[in-house]
Amino acid sequence: MCDTDLPPDAENARICTYECTFCAACVDDVLHNVCPNCAGGFVPRPIRPATARRAGVSLTHQPAGTKRRALKHDRESIAELVEATRNIPPADR
């Protein structure tokens, strides 16, 4: 929504079950915990370990993607979805 960078170690990254990722401020203040793509909720995105504590398993071995994806929906339709579902708990959407 705001085009902020969310590197692999960003503590303000939020993710839905389909791995749509937004910053915490947009999730809280604009989306109200409603994913604009699936209408699900968000959780803090896990931070991939930078150091391999197990052989071959780390950010170095499996780097994070660098391709930024655009929103599939315009802001007006997102606002409509958020308004219609924001008071429904994610498990009931």
Protein backbone atom coordinates (compact mmCIF):
# COMPACT_ATOMS: atom_id res chain seq x y z
CA MET A 1 0.00 0.00 0.00
CA CYS A 2 2.69 2.51 0.98
CA ASP A 3 5.54 0.97 -1.06
CA THR A 4 7.85 0.64 1.94
CA ASP A 5 10.73 -1.82 1.71
CA LEU A 6 10.33 -4.91 3.88
CA PRO A 7 13.70 -6.69 3.91
CA PRO A 8 13.92 -10.26 5.29
CA ASP A 9 14.73 -8.99 8.80
CA ALA A 10 11.94 -6.38 8.95
CA GLU A 11 10.09 -6.68 12.24
CA ASN A 12 7.22 -4.56 10.88
CA ALA A 13 6.31 -7.01 8.09
CA ARG A 14 2.89 -8.67 8.26
CA ILE A 15 1.85 -11.67 6.16
CA CYS A 16 -1.41 -13.46 5.33
CA THR A 17 -1.89 -17.18 4.73
CA TYR A 18 -1.27 -16.65 0.99
CA GLU A 19 1.98 -14.81 1.82
CA CYS A 20 0.75 -11.36 0.82
CA THR A 21 3.06 -9.02 2.72
CA PHE A 22 2.42 -5.48 3.93
CA CYS A 23 3.93 -3.22 6.57
CA ALA A 24 2.36 -3.20 10.03
CA ALA A 25 1.21 0.43 9.68
CA CYS A 26 -0.80 -0.34 6.51
CA VAL A 27 -2.23 -3.51 8.06
CA ASP A 28 -3.32 -1.63 11.18
CA ASP A 29 -4.30 1.79 9.84
CA VAL A 30 -5.50 1.17 6.27
CA LEU A 31 -6.38 -2.51 5.89
CA HIS A 32 -7.63 -3.07 9.45
CA ASN A 33 -6.27 -6.65 9.37
CA VAL A 34 -8.08 -7.51 6.11
CA CYS A 35 -5.88 -8.82 3.30
CA PRO A 36 -6.93 -7.00 0.13
CA ASN A 37 -6.43 -10.17 -1.92
CA CYS A 38 -7.99 -12.97 0.15
CA ALA A 39 -9.83 -11.09 2.96
CA GLY A 40 -7.91 -13.12 5.54
CA GLY A 41 -6.03 -11.70 8.50
CA PHE A 42 -2.34 -11.00 9.04
CA VAL A 43 0.35 -12.17 11.46
CA PRO A 44 3.93 -10.97 11.96
CA ARG A 45 6.11 -12.40 9.18
CA PRO A 46 8.77 -14.77 10.52
CA ILE A 47 12.35 -13.63 10.10
CA ARG A 48 14.48 -16.11 8.15
CA PRO A 49 17.70 -16.87 10.03
CA ALA A 50 20.73 -15.03 8.65
CA THR A 51 23.10 -17.61 10.15
CA ALA A 52 22.96 -21.30 9.21
CA ARG A 53 22.39 -23.14 12.50
CA ARG A 54 21.66 -26.23 10.39
CA ALA A 55 23.68 -26.95 7.27
CA GLY A 56 22.31 -25.13 4.24
CA VAL A 57 19.40 -23.47 6.04
CA SER A 58 19.67 -19.69 6.22
CA LEU A 59 19.03 -16.49 4.35
CA THR A 60 22.40 -16.96 2.68
CA HIS A 61 21.38 -20.37 1.30
CA GLN A 62 17.75 -19.48 0.47
CA PRO A 63 17.71 -15.75 -0.21
CA ALA A 64 14.48 -13.83 0.03
CA GLY A 65 12.77 -12.78 -3.17
CA THR A 66 13.51 -9.32 -4.46
CA LYS A 67 10.63 -8.88 -6.91
CA ARG A 68 8.02 -6.45 -5.63
CA ARG A 69 4.48 -7.31 -6.64
CA ALA A 70 1.73 -4.80 -7.31
CA LEU A 71 -1.70 -4.81 -5.74
CA LYS A 72 -4.25 -6.76 -7.74
CA HIS A 73 -7.11 -4.42 -6.80
CA ASP A 74 -7.57 -0.66 -6.85
CA ARG A 75 -7.77 1.31 -3.62
CA GLU A 76 -11.52 1.86 -3.92
CA SER A 77 -12.33 -1.85 -4.12
CA ILE A 78 -9.87 -2.53 -1.29
CA ALA A 79 -11.61 0.06 0.89
CA GLU A 80 -14.98 -1.55 0.13
CA LEU A 81 -13.70 -5.02 1.07
CA VAL A 82 -12.10 -3.71 4.27
CA GLU A 83 -15.27 -1.89 5.31
CA ALA A 84 -17.44 -4.95 4.63
CA THR A 85 -15.23 -7.39 6.55
CA ARG A 86 -13.13 -5.54 9.13
CA ASN A 87 -15.47 -6.35 12.03
CA ILE A 88 -15.62 -10.06 11.19
CA PRO A 89 -12.88 -12.10 12.91
CA PRO A 90 -10.44 -13.58 10.36
CA ALA A 91 -11.50 -17.15 11.23
CA ASP A 92 -15.11 -16.30 10.29
CA ARG A 93 -14.41 -14.46 7.04
